[in-house]
Amino acid sequence: MGQKLTDNPKDKRIQIRMDSETLDKLDCLVAEQNSDRSKIIRQGIEIQYEKREKE
């Protein structure tokens, strides 16, 4: 029982600051995708990283 083990644990923490408008946009995406803030942010990083590789 307990938390499942994973090959890619999410054990690193960061703290960011953002304005209210950006936070509202993030929360809108969270609600639309029935997700959480961390997952949406990770997806955004992946999109930017893949975009960088194509340039």
C-alpha atoms as a PDB file:
ATOM      1  CA  MET A   1       0.000   0.000   0.000  1.00  0.00           C
ATOM      2  CA  GLY A   2       1.000   3.640  -0.089  1.00  0.00           C
ATOM      3  CA  GLN A   3       2.302   5.688  -2.927  1.00  0.00           C
ATOM      4  CA  LYS A   4       3.278   3.839  -6.100  1.00  0.00           C
ATOM      5  CA  LEU A   5       6.922   3.712  -7.108  1.00  0.00           C
ATOM      6  CA  THR A   6       7.947   5.355 -10.359  1.00  0.00           C
ATOM      7  CA  ASP A   7      10.967   5.353 -12.654  1.00  0.00           C
ATOM      8  CA  ASN A   8      10.864   9.153 -12.767  1.00  0.00           C
ATOM      9  CA  PRO A   9      10.075  10.482  -9.278  1.00  0.00           C
ATOM     10  CA  LYS A  10       9.054  14.114  -9.030  1.00  0.00           C
ATOM     11  CA  ASP A  11      11.147  14.947  -6.000  1.00  0.00           C
ATOM     12  CA  LYS A  12      12.503  18.344  -7.114  1.00  0.00           C
ATOM     13  CA  ARG A  13      10.659  21.478  -6.038  1.00  0.00           C
ATOM     14  CA  ILE A  14      10.811  24.971  -7.508  1.00  0.00           C
ATOM     15  CA  GLN A  15       9.055  28.139  -6.499  1.00  0.00           C
ATOM     16  CA  ILE A  16       7.963  30.759  -9.015  1.00  0.00           C
ATOM     17  CA  ARG A  17       6.300  34.136  -8.947  1.00  0.00           C
ATOM     18  CA  MET A  18       3.623  35.146 -11.424  1.00  0.00           C
ATOM     19  CA  ASP A  19       1.076  37.879 -11.826  1.00  0.00           C
ATOM     20  CA  SER A  20      -2.645  37.336 -11.302  1.00  0.00           C
ATOM     21  CA  GLU A  21      -3.424  37.239 -15.014  1.00  0.00           C
ATOM     22  CA  THR A  22      -0.924  34.434 -15.651  1.00  0.00           C
ATOM     23  CA  LEU A  23      -2.185  32.488 -12.642  1.00  0.00           C
ATOM     24  CA  ASP A  24      -5.756  32.861 -13.904  1.00  0.00           C
ATOM     25  CA  LYS A  25      -4.685  31.447 -17.281  1.00  0.00           C
ATOM     26  CA  LEU A  26      -2.946  28.535 -15.575  1.00  0.00           C
ATOM     27  CA  ASP A  27      -5.992  27.780 -13.438  1.00  0.00           C
ATOM     28  CA  CYS A  28      -8.217  27.962 -16.517  1.00  0.00           C
ATOM     29  CA  LEU A  29      -6.079  25.296 -18.208  1.00  0.00           C
ATOM     30  CA  VAL A  30      -6.154  23.193 -15.045  1.00  0.00           C
ATOM     31  CA  ALA A  31      -9.949  23.283 -14.990  1.00  0.00           C
ATOM     32  CA  GLU A  32     -10.340  22.630 -18.729  1.00  0.00           C
ATOM     33  CA  GLN A  33      -7.971  19.668 -18.697  1.00  0.00           C
ATOM     34  CA  ASN A  34      -9.011  18.331 -15.288  1.00  0.00           C
ATOM     35  CA  SER A  35      -5.327  18.379 -14.365  1.00  0.00           C
ATOM     36  CA  ASP A  36      -3.081  20.104 -11.848  1.00  0.00           C
ATOM     37  CA  ARG A  37      -0.799  23.115 -11.993  1.00  0.00           C
ATOM     38  CA  SER A  38       2.429  21.126 -11.929  1.00  0.00           C
ATOM     39  CA  LYS A  39       1.409  18.920 -14.842  1.00  0.00           C
ATOM     40  CA  ILE A  40       0.356  21.904 -16.971  1.00  0.00           C
ATOM     41  CA  ILE A  41       3.666  23.658 -16.253  1.00  0.00           C
ATOM     42  CA  ARG A  42       5.643  20.498 -17.117  1.00  0.00           C
ATOM     43  CA  GLN A  43       3.708  20.217 -20.396  1.00  0.00           C
ATOM     44  CA  GLY A  44       4.556  23.836 -21.206  1.00  0.00           C
ATOM     45  CA  ILE A  45       8.239  23.166 -20.601  1.00  0.00           C
ATOM     46  CA  GLU A  46       8.105  20.125 -22.903  1.00  0.00           C
ATOM     47  CA  ILE A  47       6.457  22.193 -25.653  1.00  0.00           C
ATOM     48  CA  GLN A  48       9.137  24.886 -25.370  1.00  0.00           C
ATOM     49  CA  TYR A  49      11.931  22.296 -25.287  1.00  0.00           C
ATOM     50  CA  GLU A  50      10.658  20.508 -28.403  1.00  0.00           C
ATOM     51  CA  LYS A  51      10.245  23.841 -30.170  1.00  0.00           C
ATOM     52  CA  ARG A  52      13.860  24.701 -29.343  1.00  0.00           C
ATOM     53  CA  GLU A  53      15.114  21.440 -30.872  1.00  0.00           C
ATOM     54  CA  LYS A  54      13.376  22.216 -34.178  1.00  0.00           C
ATOM     55  CA  GLU A  55      15.072  25.592 -34.613  1.00  0.00           C
END
